[in-house]
Amino acid sequence: MISRLRKDNKFIYYNLWKNIPISDLHNGNILEYLEQDLIVNQLTTKDISKFAWIVDLQWEGHSPEDIEPFRQLLIKHGVKCFGAVFTSYVDVSQLPYPALCLVDRLIHNGQWYLNLIHQNIDWQNLPMTHNLVCLMRRPSVSRCMLANQLLNTFDSSNLVLTLGTGFVAFNEELKQLMFPRRMPLAIDGILVDDIMQHKINHTKFYEAPLQIIPESSSQTDKNVWHSQFITEKTYKALSWYQFPIWYAVPGLVERVREQGFDVFDDVINHSYDLEIDPWKRMSMVVSEARRLISLNAVQLRKDHWSRLESNADLINGIHNTAHSRHRIEITRLKNEIQQLW
């Protein structure tokens, strides 16, 4: 049985993101999951109040609103001290409890970077066999709409596009959105587990100068995250020496800038990042990709190689220092909570 709970003296760290559907978080149907985890750790609901709780949202973009039903459940059972570690961008100063944001934490998701390093790619001399990459493992309404726009806009021979390559079933709504095209759209087979997606053993995804990055948050899809947060999808594209365009929630590009990355504002028109209407933003994203390709994106890659290289170097730096920085921050949070005990 999977346990989301870890005891550390008077603290309990709880992985609320792990195998709990976000729909259950929102509607408050979470006591069953908590009771299962308590049993695994020889605890009952009577023991809840004996600990300070830190909800550690390690790999997903939960917001304070997403975790509030769980916090209220703990309060109902007598918990006095509560804290949270977010991977999404949150103004923690506005929260009624201690919290911190580790917004670059997902750079370690799946240990993809170590696998990439072991491939020993000659990035500068890698042949560009396509113009554009867009990788969408998890299918959804918005991703089907994006896939259709891309396939209607670009010659498929110049496009590396995946959709629905995870081990999921496709409901009728998604099938109809893609009809007469069939899902999944795949060039390297179906993924058999969550680990395989990070163990790339080919260079197909790298052989294009431009990537549209469909980040995990969405304004429109059901039961997904609506917050601004950066996943390994973004870090992969930047480490693959590609020009990035994002299809995500508004404001995400500015968050990438805040991390110090070059988003090539003099090359790419990121005005879509300010567009609130998700469908208009999607069309703006596809139009901008078309414009860049018309300018010869392969030549742009050569012209701006040193800047692409700087982004890849920054990825390496973040990867090598993130764990130690995060440990320091979590220790600081723990000390802050102890002072409130």
Protein backbone atom coordinates (compact mmCIF):
# COMPACT_ATOMS: atom_id res chain seq x y z
CA MET A 1 0.00 0.00 0.00
CA ILE A 2 1.26 3.48 -0.89
CA SER A 3 1.68 5.71 2.13
CA ARG A 4 1.76 9.45 1.80
CA LEU A 5 2.70 9.93 5.44
CA ARG A 6 6.14 10.15 7.04
CA LYS A 7 6.81 10.71 10.75
CA ASP A 8 9.80 12.72 11.94
CA ASN A 9 9.69 13.08 15.73
CA LYS A 10 6.85 15.54 16.36
CA PHE A 11 6.35 16.31 12.68
CA ILE A 12 4.32 14.53 10.04
CA TYR A 13 5.17 15.19 6.41
CA TYR A 14 2.24 14.42 4.15
CA ASN A 15 2.47 13.97 0.37
CA LEU A 16 -1.01 15.21 -0.44
CA TRP A 17 -0.24 15.16 -4.17
CA LYS A 18 0.37 11.41 -4.29
CA ASN A 19 -2.42 9.26 -5.76
CA ILE A 20 -5.23 11.52 -4.53
CA PRO A 21 -7.39 12.84 -7.39
CA ILE A 22 -7.63 16.59 -7.34
CA SER A 23 -11.42 16.22 -7.59
CA ASP A 24 -11.41 14.48 -4.20
CA LEU A 25 -9.28 17.25 -2.73
CA HIS A 26 -11.71 19.88 -3.96
CA ASN A 27 -14.86 18.15 -2.72
CA GLY A 28 -13.34 17.17 0.63
CA ASN A 29 -13.48 13.38 0.14
CA ILE A 30 -10.06 12.82 1.65
CA LEU A 31 -10.61 11.24 5.06
CA GLU A 32 -10.46 7.75 3.54
CA TYR A 33 -6.97 8.37 2.15
CA LEU A 34 -5.77 9.81 5.45
CA GLU A 35 -7.11 6.87 7.45
CA GLN A 36 -5.31 4.42 5.17
CA ASP A 37 -2.02 6.25 5.71
CA LEU A 38 -2.52 6.42 9.45
CA ILE A 39 -3.09 2.66 9.63
CA VAL A 40 0.13 1.96 7.73
CA ASN A 41 2.00 4.04 10.31
CA GLN A 42 0.25 2.49 13.34
CA LEU A 43 -1.72 5.67 14.03
CA THR A 44 -5.38 6.59 14.31
CA THR A 45 -7.31 9.82 13.89
CA LYS A 46 -6.95 10.28 17.68
CA ASP A 47 -3.20 10.72 17.16
CA ILE A 48 -3.46 13.47 14.56
CA SER A 49 -3.32 16.33 17.05
CA LYS A 50 -0.07 15.08 18.61
CA PHE A 51 1.93 16.25 15.59
CA ALA A 52 2.73 19.36 13.63
CA TRP A 53 1.79 18.71 10.00
CA ILE A 54 3.68 19.81 6.91
CA VAL A 55 1.88 19.19 3.64
CA ASP A 56 4.67 18.64 1.13
CA LEU A 57 3.42 19.10 -2.45
CA GLN A 58 6.52 17.71 -4.08
CA TRP A 59 5.60 17.15 -7.71
CA GLU A 60 2.38 18.93 -8.61
CA GLY A 61 1.02 22.45 -8.78
CA HIS A 62 -1.50 22.46 -5.96
CA SER A 63 -2.60 25.86 -4.74
CA PRO A 64 -3.65 26.88 -1.20
CA GLU A 65 -7.26 26.50 -2.35
CA ASP A 66 -6.56 22.91 -3.39
CA ILE A 67 -5.24 21.89 0.02
CA GLU A 68 -7.61 23.94 2.21
CA PRO A 69 -10.19 21.11 2.66
CA PHE A 70 -7.40 18.89 3.98
CA ARG A 71 -6.18 21.61 6.37
CA GLN A 72 -9.72 22.03 7.68
CA LEU A 73 -9.94 18.26 8.21
CA LEU A 74 -6.80 18.36 10.32
CA ILE A 75 -8.07 21.34 12.31
CA LYS A 76 -11.29 19.41 12.97
CA HIS A 77 -9.14 16.67 14.52
CA GLY A 78 -7.26 19.08 16.76
CA VAL A 79 -4.14 19.98 14.76
CA LYS A 80 -2.71 23.29 15.98
CA CYS A 81 0.45 23.59 13.87
CA PHE A 82 0.35 23.34 10.11
CA GLY A 83 2.67 24.30 7.27
CA ALA A 84 2.98 23.68 3.56
CA VAL A 85 5.62 23.37 0.84
CA PHE A 86 4.31 24.41 -2.57
CA THR A 87 5.84 23.91 -6.00
CA SER A 88 3.45 26.44 -7.52
CA TYR A 89 3.87 30.21 -7.27
CA VAL A 90 2.04 31.31 -4.12
CA ASP A 91 2.11 34.54 -2.14
CA VAL A 92 2.81 32.80 1.15
CA SER A 93 2.69 36.09 3.06
CA GLN A 94 -1.09 36.04 2.60
CA LEU A 95 -1.58 32.59 4.13
CA PRO A 96 -2.73 31.93 7.72
CA TYR A 97 0.05 29.36 8.21
CA PRO A 98 3.81 29.12 7.51
CA ALA A 99 4.62 28.03 3.98
CA LEU A 100 7.28 28.24 1.32
CA CYS A 101 7.52 27.82 -2.45
CA LEU A 102 10.18 25.61 -4.04
CA VAL A 103 9.29 26.57 -7.59
CA ASP A 104 12.25 24.82 -9.25
CA ARG A 105 11.71 21.53 -7.46
CA LEU A 106 10.30 19.67 -10.44
CA ILE A 107 13.63 19.83 -12.20
CA HIS A 108 14.28 16.53 -10.37
CA ASN A 109 11.05 14.82 -11.44
CA GLY A 110 11.89 11.38 -12.81
CA GLN A 111 15.65 12.04 -12.70
CA TRP A 112 15.39 12.86 -16.41
CA TYR A 113 18.46 15.11 -16.37
CA LEU A 114 20.84 12.37 -15.31
CA ASN A 115 19.57 10.20 -18.15
CA LEU A 116 20.06 13.10 -20.57
CA ILE A 117 23.67 13.65 -19.47
CA HIS A 118 24.44 9.97 -19.99
CA GLN A 119 23.37 10.27 -23.65
CA ASN A 120 26.41 12.47 -24.41
CA ILE A 121 24.63 14.44 -27.14
CA ASP A 122 26.66 16.70 -29.43
CA TRP A 123 23.99 19.40 -29.26
CA GLN A 124 25.56 21.97 -31.54
CA ASN A 125 26.02 19.49 -34.38
CA LEU A 126 22.80 17.57 -33.85
CA PRO A 127 20.90 17.43 -37.18
CA MET A 128 17.57 19.28 -37.25
CA THR A 129 15.20 16.83 -38.95
CA HIS A 130 12.00 18.71 -38.01
CA ASN A 131 10.92 22.27 -37.26
CA LEU A 132 8.69 21.83 -34.23
CA VAL A 133 8.21 19.53 -31.23
CA CYS A 134 5.11 19.33 -29.04
CA LEU A 135 4.91 16.50 -26.50
CA MET A 136 1.60 15.78 -24.77
CA ARG A 137 1.58 12.56 -22.79
CA ARG A 138 -1.63 13.20 -20.83
CA PRO A 139 -4.59 13.70 -23.18
CA SER A 140 -7.17 16.37 -22.43
CA VAL A 141 -9.69 18.55 -24.23
CA SER A 142 -7.32 21.50 -24.60
CA ARG A 143 -4.45 19.30 -25.72
CA CYS A 144 -6.62 17.64 -28.37
CA MET A 145 -7.62 21.08 -29.61
CA LEU A 146 -3.96 22.13 -29.73
CA ALA A 147 -2.97 18.96 -31.56
CA ASN A 148 -5.64 19.54 -34.19
CA GLN A 149 -4.50 23.13 -34.73
CA LEU A 150 -0.92 22.02 -35.15
CA LEU A 151 -1.80 19.22 -37.57
CA ASN A 152 -3.99 21.59 -39.57
CA THR A 153 -1.23 24.21 -39.71
CA PHE A 154 2.01 22.30 -40.27
CA ASP A 155 3.18 19.56 -42.56
CA SER A 156 3.36 16.47 -40.37
CA SER A 157 6.80 15.66 -41.80
CA ASN A 158 8.13 18.78 -40.05
CA LEU A 159 6.34 18.14 -36.77
CA VAL A 160 7.17 15.84 -33.87
CA LEU A 161 3.86 15.56 -32.05
CA THR A 162 2.75 13.14 -29.35
CA LEU A 163 -0.62 12.97 -27.63
CA GLY A 164 -1.96 10.40 -25.21
CA THR A 165 1.15 8.24 -25.04
CA GLY A 166 0.69 7.51 -21.34
CA PHE A 167 -1.04 4.41 -20.04
CA VAL A 168 -4.52 5.94 -20.04
CA ALA A 169 -7.85 5.18 -21.66
CA PHE A 170 -9.34 7.70 -24.08
CA ASN A 171 -12.93 8.68 -23.37
CA GLU A 172 -15.42 9.27 -26.16
CA GLU A 173 -15.18 13.05 -25.87
CA LEU A 174 -11.46 12.99 -26.63
CA LYS A 175 -11.89 10.47 -29.44
CA GLN A 176 -14.51 12.67 -31.08
CA LEU A 177 -12.32 15.75 -30.77
CA MET A 178 -9.55 13.98 -32.69
CA PHE A 179 -11.75 12.19 -35.25
CA PRO A 180 -10.92 11.11 -37.94
CA ARG A 181 -7.41 11.12 -36.51
CA ARG A 182 -6.76 8.26 -34.11
CA MET A 183 -5.19 8.40 -30.69
CA PRO A 184 -2.63 8.05 -29.41
CA LEU A 185 -0.35 10.11 -31.59
CA ALA A 186 3.06 8.56 -31.01
CA ILE A 187 6.42 8.25 -32.67
CA ASP A 188 8.18 6.13 -30.05
CA GLY A 189 5.51 3.78 -28.71
CA ILE A 190 3.21 3.81 -25.71
CA LEU A 191 4.64 4.49 -22.27
CA VAL A 192 4.13 1.61 -19.89
CA ASP A 193 4.73 3.54 -16.67
CA ASP A 194 5.56 7.00 -15.30
CA ILE A 195 9.29 6.26 -15.20
CA MET A 196 9.67 5.39 -18.86
CA GLN A 197 8.69 8.89 -20.02
CA HIS A 198 11.91 10.25 -18.53
CA LYS A 199 14.22 7.53 -19.88
CA ILE A 200 14.50 8.72 -23.47
CA ASN A 201 16.87 6.56 -25.50
CA HIS A 202 16.58 8.36 -28.84
CA THR A 203 17.16 11.89 -30.17
CA LYS A 204 13.86 12.40 -32.05
CA PHE A 205 12.54 14.90 -29.54
CA TYR A 206 15.73 16.96 -29.72
CA GLU A 207 15.97 17.32 -33.49
CA ALA A 208 13.90 20.48 -33.88
CA PRO A 209 14.84 24.07 -33.05
CA LEU A 210 11.43 25.00 -31.61
CA GLN A 211 9.22 23.45 -28.96
CA ILE A 212 5.67 24.29 -27.92
CA ILE A 213 5.57 23.34 -24.24
CA PRO A 214 2.10 22.34 -22.98
CA GLU A 215 2.64 22.88 -19.27
CA SER A 216 0.54 20.96 -16.77
CA SER A 217 -1.77 23.77 -15.63
CA SER A 218 -4.89 24.62 -17.59
CA GLN A 219 -7.72 27.10 -17.35
CA THR A 220 -10.20 24.80 -19.04
CA ASP A 221 -9.41 21.11 -18.45
CA LYS A 222 -11.21 19.30 -15.68
CA ASN A 223 -9.48 17.97 -12.57
CA VAL A 224 -6.08 19.49 -13.28
CA TRP A 225 -4.15 22.35 -11.75
CA HIS A 226 -4.96 25.99 -12.46
CA SER A 227 -1.93 27.51 -10.75
CA GLN A 228 1.28 28.81 -12.25
CA PHE A 229 3.94 26.16 -11.84
CA ILE A 230 6.90 24.97 -13.88
CA THR A 231 7.43 21.26 -14.46
CA GLU A 232 10.21 19.23 -15.98
CA LYS A 233 8.56 19.87 -19.38
CA THR A 234 9.97 23.39 -19.41
CA TYR A 235 13.38 22.38 -18.08
CA LYS A 236 13.66 19.63 -20.69
CA ALA A 237 13.01 21.97 -23.61
CA LEU A 238 15.58 24.48 -22.37
CA SER A 239 18.15 21.73 -21.79
CA TRP A 240 17.49 20.45 -25.31
CA TYR A 241 18.69 23.81 -26.72
CA GLN A 242 15.27 24.66 -28.14
CA PHE A 243 13.42 27.95 -28.52
CA PRO A 244 10.43 27.77 -26.15
CA ILE A 245 6.79 28.74 -26.64
CA TRP A 246 4.38 27.84 -23.85
CA TYR A 247 0.75 26.82 -23.87
CA ALA A 248 -0.14 27.15 -20.21
CA VAL A 249 -1.96 29.52 -17.87
CA PRO A 250 -1.39 33.27 -18.34
CA GLY A 251 1.76 34.67 -16.78
CA LEU A 252 3.84 31.52 -16.91
CA VAL A 253 6.44 32.96 -19.28
CA GLU A 254 7.13 35.74 -16.80
CA ARG A 255 7.77 33.11 -14.13
CA VAL A 256 10.37 31.47 -16.38
CA ARG A 257 12.03 34.87 -16.80
CA GLU A 258 12.10 35.24 -13.01
CA GLN A 259 14.16 32.06 -12.77
CA GLY A 260 16.80 33.74 -14.92
CA PHE A 261 16.19 32.03 -18.24
CA ASP A 262 16.47 33.76 -21.59
CA VAL A 263 13.05 33.45 -23.25
CA PHE A 264 14.30 35.26 -26.39
CA ASP A 265 11.95 38.23 -26.22
CA ASP A 266 13.73 39.81 -29.20
CA VAL A 267 13.08 36.67 -31.25
CA ILE A 268 9.77 35.28 -29.92
CA ASN A 269 6.60 37.30 -29.42
CA HIS A 270 5.34 36.08 -26.04
CA SER A 271 2.33 38.41 -25.99
CA TYR A 272 0.15 35.29 -25.81
CA ASP A 273 1.27 35.03 -22.18
CA LEU A 274 -0.94 38.03 -21.36
CA GLU A 275 -4.02 36.72 -23.15
CA ILE A 276 -6.75 35.61 -20.73
CA ASP A 277 -8.95 33.77 -23.23
CA PRO A 278 -7.43 30.26 -23.46
CA TRP A 279 -8.65 29.52 -26.99
CA LYS A 280 -7.41 32.83 -28.37
CA ARG A 281 -4.10 32.21 -26.60
CA MET A 282 -3.86 28.80 -28.25
CA SER A 283 -4.27 30.33 -31.70
CA MET A 284 -1.67 32.98 -30.85
CA VAL A 285 0.78 30.25 -29.81
CA VAL A 286 0.33 28.33 -33.06
CA SER A 287 0.59 31.53 -35.13
CA GLU A 288 3.83 32.50 -33.41
CA ALA A 289 5.30 29.05 -34.07
CA ARG A 290 4.35 29.40 -37.74
CA ARG A 291 6.00 32.84 -37.92
CA LEU A 292 9.24 31.57 -36.40
CA ILE A 293 9.40 28.61 -38.75
CA SER A 294 8.88 30.95 -41.70
CA LEU A 295 11.94 32.90 -40.54
CA ASN A 296 14.03 29.71 -40.70
CA ALA A 297 14.14 28.50 -37.11
CA VAL A 298 17.11 26.26 -37.88
CA GLN A 299 19.18 29.30 -38.82
CA LEU A 300 17.92 31.14 -35.74
CA ARG A 301 19.24 28.27 -33.65
CA LYS A 302 22.69 28.81 -35.16
CA ASP A 303 22.50 32.59 -34.79
CA HIS A 304 21.56 32.45 -31.10
CA TRP A 305 23.51 29.36 -30.11
CA SER A 306 25.38 30.99 -27.22
CA ARG A 307 22.08 32.04 -25.62
CA LEU A 308 20.61 28.57 -25.96
CA GLU A 309 23.81 27.27 -24.40
CA SER A 310 23.43 29.68 -21.47
CA ASN A 311 19.94 28.34 -20.75
CA ALA A 312 21.28 24.78 -20.75
CA ASP A 313 24.07 25.83 -18.38
CA LEU A 314 21.50 27.37 -16.03
CA ILE A 315 19.57 24.08 -16.02
CA ASN A 316 22.74 22.30 -14.97
CA GLY A 317 23.33 24.79 -12.17
CA ILE A 318 19.80 24.53 -10.82
CA HIS A 319 19.91 20.74 -10.97
CA ASN A 320 23.17 20.58 -9.04
CA THR A 321 22.14 22.96 -6.24
CA ALA A 322 18.38 22.53 -5.85
CA HIS A 323 18.42 19.64 -3.36
CA SER A 324 20.70 21.40 -0.88
CA ARG A 325 18.81 24.70 -1.18
CA HIS A 326 15.49 22.98 -0.66
CA ARG A 327 16.70 21.13 2.44
CA ILE A 328 17.82 24.43 3.95
CA GLU A 329 14.45 26.04 3.19
CA ILE A 330 12.46 23.13 4.64
CA THR A 331 14.58 23.20 7.79
CA ARG A 332 13.84 26.91 8.11
CA LEU A 333 10.12 26.23 7.72
CA LYS A 334 10.26 23.48 10.32
CA ASN A 335 11.96 25.83 12.79
CA GLU A 336 9.31 28.47 12.16
CA ILE A 337 6.54 25.97 12.89
CA GLN A 338 8.30 24.78 16.05
CA GLN A 339 8.33 28.34 17.34
CA LEU A 340 4.53 28.39 17.01
CA TRP A 341 4.08 25.09 18.88
